[in-house]
């Protein structure tokens, strides 16, 4: 099993969520987060006069655990739905998961996800 963590633009969250659900990945967790990558933030103007830098931008972090055989498909779904072609589209991380347990039933491993 693998845990996929994806950090995407807030305006792309619904598209990513819907695409994952359409591909059969219904279980996920989402968080509102702030962060920055290589872009280092953005410059904004206040009242057209004063310029300032916002270096921690709003993003949405999605987490889902999938079977090893489904990792590439899930990553592809996220990439296609989150893509704008602009700096700041986000990142995807794939992390090994040793065990999963469904609290209600006690199911373990793939059965728990």
N, C-alpha and C. Protein backbone atom coordinates (compact mmCIF):
# COMPACT_ATOMS: atom_id res chain seq x y z
N UNK A 1 0.84 -1.18 0.00
CA UNK A 1 0.00 0.00 0.00
C UNK A 1 0.88 1.23 0.00
N UNK A 2 0.33 2.31 -0.58
CA UNK A 2 1.04 3.58 -0.63
C UNK A 2 0.09 4.70 -0.23
N UNK A 3 0.65 5.71 0.43
CA UNK A 3 -0.09 6.92 0.74
C UNK A 3 0.32 7.97 -0.28
N UNK A 4 -0.66 8.56 -0.92
CA UNK A 4 -0.40 9.62 -1.89
C UNK A 4 -0.80 10.94 -1.24
N UNK A 5 0.16 11.86 -1.18
CA UNK A 5 -0.11 13.21 -0.69
C UNK A 5 0.04 14.15 -1.87
N UNK A 6 -1.00 14.89 -2.17
CA UNK A 6 -0.98 15.82 -3.29
C UNK A 6 -1.29 17.22 -2.76
N UNK A 7 -0.48 18.18 -3.16
CA UNK A 7 -0.70 19.57 -2.81
C UNK A 7 -1.08 20.29 -4.09
N UNK A 8 -2.31 20.84 -4.10
CA UNK A 8 -2.85 21.43 -5.33
C UNK A 8 -3.41 22.82 -5.06
N UNK A 9 -3.66 23.53 -6.14
CA UNK A 9 -4.30 24.85 -6.03
C UNK A 9 -5.72 24.68 -5.47
N UNK A 10 -6.16 25.61 -4.62
CA UNK A 10 -7.52 25.50 -4.06
C UNK A 10 -8.60 25.45 -5.14
N UNK A 11 -8.42 26.18 -6.21
CA UNK A 11 -9.44 26.21 -7.26
C UNK A 11 -9.49 24.91 -8.06
N UNK A 12 -8.50 24.03 -7.89
CA UNK A 12 -8.48 22.75 -8.58
C UNK A 12 -8.93 21.60 -7.69
N UNK A 13 -9.19 21.88 -6.42
CA UNK A 13 -9.57 20.83 -5.48
C UNK A 13 -10.79 20.04 -5.95
N UNK A 14 -11.86 20.71 -6.29
CA UNK A 14 -13.09 20.01 -6.68
C UNK A 14 -12.86 19.15 -7.92
N UNK A 15 -12.10 19.66 -8.89
CA UNK A 15 -11.82 18.88 -10.11
C UNK A 15 -11.03 17.63 -9.77
N UNK A 16 -10.05 17.76 -8.87
CA UNK A 16 -9.24 16.60 -8.48
C UNK A 16 -10.10 15.60 -7.71
N UNK A 17 -10.88 16.09 -6.77
CA UNK A 17 -11.75 15.21 -5.97
C UNK A 17 -12.73 14.46 -6.86
N UNK A 18 -13.38 15.17 -7.78
CA UNK A 18 -14.34 14.54 -8.68
C UNK A 18 -13.66 13.53 -9.61
N UNK A 19 -12.48 13.86 -10.10
CA UNK A 19 -11.75 12.95 -10.99
C UNK A 19 -11.35 11.68 -10.25
N UNK A 20 -10.88 11.83 -9.00
CA UNK A 20 -10.51 10.65 -8.21
C UNK A 20 -11.74 9.78 -7.95
N UNK A 21 -12.83 10.41 -7.59
CA UNK A 21 -14.05 9.64 -7.33
C UNK A 21 -14.53 8.92 -8.59
N UNK A 22 -14.45 9.60 -9.73
CA UNK A 22 -14.83 9.00 -10.99
C UNK A 22 -13.96 7.82 -11.39
N UNK A 23 -12.71 7.83 -10.89
CA UNK A 23 -11.79 6.74 -11.19
C UNK A 23 -11.85 5.63 -10.14
N UNK A 24 -12.76 5.76 -9.16
CA UNK A 24 -12.93 4.71 -8.17
C UNK A 24 -12.18 4.92 -6.87
N UNK A 25 -11.57 6.10 -6.69
CA UNK A 25 -10.86 6.41 -5.44
C UNK A 25 -11.74 7.33 -4.62
N UNK A 26 -12.60 6.75 -3.78
CA UNK A 26 -13.57 7.57 -3.06
C UNK A 26 -13.07 8.05 -1.70
N UNK A 27 -12.16 7.32 -1.07
CA UNK A 27 -11.69 7.70 0.26
C UNK A 27 -10.51 8.64 0.19
N UNK A 28 -10.67 9.83 0.76
CA UNK A 28 -9.55 10.77 0.83
C UNK A 28 -9.76 11.74 1.97
N UNK A 29 -8.71 12.39 2.35
CA UNK A 29 -8.74 13.44 3.37
C UNK A 29 -8.17 14.70 2.76
N UNK A 30 -8.77 15.84 3.06
CA UNK A 30 -8.30 17.11 2.51
C UNK A 30 -8.08 18.12 3.62
N UNK A 31 -7.05 18.92 3.46
CA UNK A 31 -6.71 19.96 4.42
C UNK A 31 -6.47 21.27 3.67
N UNK A 32 -6.85 22.37 4.26
CA UNK A 32 -6.42 23.68 3.76
C UNK A 32 -5.06 23.95 4.38
N UNK A 33 -4.09 24.25 3.54
CA UNK A 33 -2.74 24.50 4.03
C UNK A 33 -2.19 25.76 3.37
N UNK A 34 -1.06 26.21 3.85
CA UNK A 34 -0.32 27.32 3.22
C UNK A 34 1.09 26.84 2.99
N UNK A 35 1.67 27.25 1.89
CA UNK A 35 3.02 26.84 1.61
C UNK A 35 3.60 27.58 0.42
N UNK A 36 4.82 27.19 0.11
CA UNK A 36 5.47 27.77 -1.05
C UNK A 36 6.48 26.79 -1.60
N UNK A 37 6.72 26.90 -2.86
CA UNK A 37 7.70 26.05 -3.53
C UNK A 37 8.77 26.91 -4.16
N UNK A 38 9.23 26.50 -5.32
CA UNK A 38 10.27 27.25 -6.02
C UNK A 38 9.86 28.66 -6.36
N UNK A 39 8.56 28.87 -6.57
CA UNK A 39 8.10 30.19 -6.96
C UNK A 39 8.38 31.23 -5.88
N UNK A 40 8.47 30.78 -4.62
CA UNK A 40 8.79 31.69 -3.53
C UNK A 40 7.70 32.69 -3.20
N UNK A 41 6.50 32.48 -3.66
CA UNK A 41 5.41 33.39 -3.38
C UNK A 41 5.08 34.25 -4.59
N UNK A 42 4.23 35.26 -4.36
CA UNK A 42 3.83 36.16 -5.44
C UNK A 42 3.90 37.61 -4.97
N UNK A 43 4.06 38.53 -5.91
CA UNK A 43 4.03 39.95 -5.61
C UNK A 43 2.65 40.49 -5.89
N UNK A 44 2.13 41.27 -4.97
CA UNK A 44 0.83 41.91 -5.13
C UNK A 44 0.99 43.41 -4.93
N UNK A 45 0.02 44.17 -5.43
CA UNK A 45 0.02 45.62 -5.20
C UNK A 45 -1.18 45.99 -4.35
N UNK A 46 -0.95 46.89 -3.42
CA UNK A 46 -2.00 47.38 -2.55
C UNK A 46 -2.38 48.77 -3.02
N UNK A 47 -3.63 48.92 -3.43
CA UNK A 47 -4.16 50.18 -3.95
C UNK A 47 -3.33 50.73 -5.11
N UNK A 48 -2.71 49.83 -5.84
CA UNK A 48 -1.95 50.23 -7.03
C UNK A 48 -0.69 51.01 -6.76
N UNK A 49 -0.33 51.17 -5.49
CA UNK A 49 0.82 52.00 -5.15
C UNK A 49 1.93 51.19 -4.50
N UNK A 50 1.57 50.48 -3.49
CA UNK A 50 2.56 49.78 -2.69
C UNK A 50 2.61 48.31 -3.06
N UNK A 51 3.80 47.80 -3.30
CA UNK A 51 3.99 46.41 -3.67
C UNK A 51 4.42 45.61 -2.44
N UNK A 52 3.87 44.41 -2.31
CA UNK A 52 4.31 43.54 -1.22
C UNK A 52 4.31 42.10 -1.70
N UNK A 53 5.01 41.25 -0.97
CA UNK A 53 5.18 39.86 -1.37
C UNK A 53 4.39 38.95 -0.41
N UNK A 54 3.63 38.01 -1.00
CA UNK A 54 2.94 36.99 -0.22
C UNK A 54 3.71 35.70 -0.49
N UNK A 55 4.39 35.21 0.56
CA UNK A 55 5.27 34.05 0.32
C UNK A 55 4.69 32.72 0.81
N UNK A 56 3.56 32.74 1.48
CA UNK A 56 2.89 31.51 1.89
C UNK A 56 1.51 31.51 1.24
N UNK A 57 1.38 30.73 0.17
CA UNK A 57 0.16 30.74 -0.63
C UNK A 57 -0.82 29.66 -0.17
N UNK A 58 -2.13 29.91 -0.30
CA UNK A 58 -3.10 28.89 0.07
C UNK A 58 -3.07 27.73 -0.92
N UNK A 59 -3.11 26.53 -0.38
CA UNK A 59 -3.14 25.30 -1.16
C UNK A 59 -4.09 24.33 -0.48
N UNK A 60 -4.39 23.21 -1.14
CA UNK A 60 -5.15 22.13 -0.53
C UNK A 60 -4.28 20.88 -0.59
N UNK A 61 -4.18 20.21 0.55
CA UNK A 61 -3.41 18.96 0.62
C UNK A 61 -4.40 17.81 0.69
N UNK A 62 -4.27 16.88 -0.25
CA UNK A 62 -5.11 15.68 -0.30
C UNK A 62 -4.27 14.48 0.10
N UNK A 63 -4.87 13.58 0.86
CA UNK A 63 -4.20 12.33 1.22
C UNK A 63 -5.12 11.17 0.92
N UNK A 64 -4.58 10.13 0.30
CA UNK A 64 -5.34 8.91 0.08
C UNK A 64 -4.38 7.74 0.11
N UNK A 65 -4.87 6.60 0.56
CA UNK A 65 -4.08 5.38 0.60
C UNK A 65 -4.65 4.43 -0.44
N UNK A 66 -3.75 3.90 -1.28
CA UNK A 66 -4.18 3.02 -2.37
C UNK A 66 -3.31 1.77 -2.39
N UNK A 67 -3.83 0.75 -3.05
CA UNK A 67 -3.07 -0.47 -3.28
C UNK A 67 -1.90 -0.15 -4.21
N UNK A 68 -0.80 -0.87 -4.07
CA UNK A 68 0.38 -0.63 -4.90
C UNK A 68 0.05 -0.63 -6.39
N UNK A 69 -0.85 -1.50 -6.81
CA UNK A 69 -1.20 -1.61 -8.22
C UNK A 69 -1.94 -0.38 -8.75
N UNK A 70 -2.50 0.44 -7.86
CA UNK A 70 -3.29 1.60 -8.27
C UNK A 70 -2.55 2.93 -8.19
N UNK A 71 -1.30 2.91 -7.76
CA UNK A 71 -0.56 4.16 -7.53
C UNK A 71 -0.44 4.98 -8.80
N UNK A 72 0.05 4.41 -9.87
CA UNK A 72 0.26 5.18 -11.10
C UNK A 72 -1.04 5.76 -11.64
N UNK A 73 -2.10 4.98 -11.58
CA UNK A 73 -3.40 5.46 -12.07
C UNK A 73 -3.88 6.64 -11.24
N UNK A 74 -3.76 6.54 -9.91
CA UNK A 74 -4.19 7.64 -9.03
C UNK A 74 -3.35 8.89 -9.27
N UNK A 75 -2.04 8.72 -9.40
CA UNK A 75 -1.16 9.87 -9.66
C UNK A 75 -1.53 10.51 -11.00
N UNK A 76 -1.77 9.73 -12.03
CA UNK A 76 -2.15 10.28 -13.33
C UNK A 76 -3.46 11.06 -13.26
N UNK A 77 -4.43 10.52 -12.52
CA UNK A 77 -5.72 11.21 -12.36
C UNK A 77 -5.50 12.56 -11.71
N UNK A 78 -4.70 12.61 -10.65
CA UNK A 78 -4.43 13.87 -9.94
C UNK A 78 -3.71 14.84 -10.86
N UNK A 79 -2.69 14.37 -11.55
CA UNK A 79 -1.92 15.26 -12.44
C UNK A 79 -2.81 15.89 -13.51
N UNK A 80 -3.64 15.10 -14.14
CA UNK A 80 -4.50 15.63 -15.21
C UNK A 80 -5.51 16.63 -14.67
N UNK A 81 -6.10 16.35 -13.52
CA UNK A 81 -7.13 17.23 -12.97
C UNK A 81 -6.55 18.50 -12.37
N UNK A 82 -5.32 18.46 -11.87
CA UNK A 82 -4.73 19.62 -11.20
C UNK A 82 -3.91 20.51 -12.14
N UNK A 83 -3.66 20.06 -13.35
CA UNK A 83 -2.76 20.76 -14.27
C UNK A 83 -3.34 22.07 -14.80
N UNK A 84 -2.54 23.13 -14.72
CA UNK A 84 -2.86 24.40 -15.39
C UNK A 84 -1.72 24.80 -16.33
N UNK A 85 -0.53 24.26 -16.09
CA UNK A 85 0.63 24.65 -16.88
C UNK A 85 1.37 25.85 -16.33
N UNK A 86 0.86 26.39 -15.24
CA UNK A 86 1.48 27.56 -14.62
C UNK A 86 2.30 27.14 -13.40
N UNK A 87 3.24 27.99 -13.02
CA UNK A 87 4.00 27.76 -11.80
C UNK A 87 3.04 27.69 -10.63
N UNK A 88 3.25 26.73 -9.72
CA UNK A 88 2.39 26.62 -8.55
C UNK A 88 1.29 25.57 -8.67
N UNK A 89 1.36 24.70 -9.69
CA UNK A 89 0.36 23.66 -9.84
C UNK A 89 0.38 22.66 -8.69
N UNK A 90 1.52 22.48 -8.04
CA UNK A 90 1.57 21.61 -6.87
C UNK A 90 2.56 20.47 -7.01
N UNK A 91 2.48 19.55 -6.07
CA UNK A 91 3.37 18.39 -6.01
C UNK A 91 2.59 17.18 -5.55
N UNK A 92 3.12 16.00 -5.90
CA UNK A 92 2.55 14.73 -5.44
C UNK A 92 3.67 13.92 -4.81
N UNK A 93 3.41 13.37 -3.63
CA UNK A 93 4.38 12.53 -2.93
C UNK A 93 3.76 11.15 -2.73
N UNK A 94 4.55 10.12 -2.94
CA UNK A 94 4.10 8.74 -2.74
C UNK A 94 4.95 8.14 -1.63
N UNK A 95 4.27 7.66 -0.57
CA UNK A 95 4.93 7.21 0.66
C UNK A 95 4.48 5.79 0.98
N UNK A 96 5.40 4.90 1.34
CA UNK A 96 5.00 3.53 1.71
C UNK A 96 4.14 3.52 2.98
N UNK A 97 3.16 2.62 3.00
CA UNK A 97 2.31 2.41 4.17
C UNK A 97 2.48 0.97 4.61
N UNK A 98 2.88 0.77 5.86
CA UNK A 98 3.11 -0.58 6.37
C UNK A 98 1.83 -1.33 6.69
N UNK A 99 0.85 -0.62 7.22
CA UNK A 99 -0.38 -1.30 7.65
C UNK A 99 -1.53 -0.32 7.64
N UNK A 100 -2.73 -0.84 7.43
CA UNK A 100 -3.97 -0.08 7.55
C UNK A 100 -4.96 -0.95 8.31
N UNK A 101 -5.72 -0.33 9.20
CA UNK A 101 -6.71 -1.07 9.99
C UNK A 101 -8.01 -0.27 9.99
N UNK A 102 -9.10 -0.91 9.62
CA UNK A 102 -10.42 -0.28 9.70
C UNK A 102 -10.91 -0.48 11.13
N UNK A 103 -11.12 0.60 11.84
CA UNK A 103 -11.49 0.54 13.25
C UNK A 103 -12.80 -0.20 13.46
N UNK A 104 -13.81 0.09 12.65
CA UNK A 104 -15.13 -0.49 12.86
C UNK A 104 -15.14 -2.01 12.75
N UNK A 105 -14.41 -2.58 11.77
CA UNK A 105 -14.49 -4.01 11.51
C UNK A 105 -13.23 -4.79 11.87
N UNK A 106 -12.13 -4.08 12.07
CA UNK A 106 -10.87 -4.77 12.34
C UNK A 106 -10.17 -5.26 11.09
N UNK A 107 -10.72 -4.99 9.91
CA UNK A 107 -10.08 -5.41 8.66
C UNK A 107 -8.70 -4.78 8.57
N UNK A 108 -7.79 -5.49 7.93
CA UNK A 108 -6.41 -5.02 7.81
C UNK A 108 -5.93 -5.06 6.37
N UNK A 109 -4.87 -4.30 6.12
CA UNK A 109 -4.24 -4.30 4.81
C UNK A 109 -5.16 -3.73 3.74
N UNK A 110 -5.12 -4.35 2.55
CA UNK A 110 -5.93 -3.87 1.42
C UNK A 110 -7.41 -3.85 1.74
N UNK A 111 -7.88 -4.77 2.55
CA UNK A 111 -9.29 -4.81 2.90
C UNK A 111 -9.72 -3.59 3.70
N UNK A 112 -8.79 -2.96 4.38
CA UNK A 112 -9.11 -1.79 5.20
C UNK A 112 -9.18 -0.50 4.39
N UNK A 113 -8.60 -0.53 3.18
CA UNK A 113 -8.65 0.70 2.38
C UNK A 113 -9.77 0.61 1.37
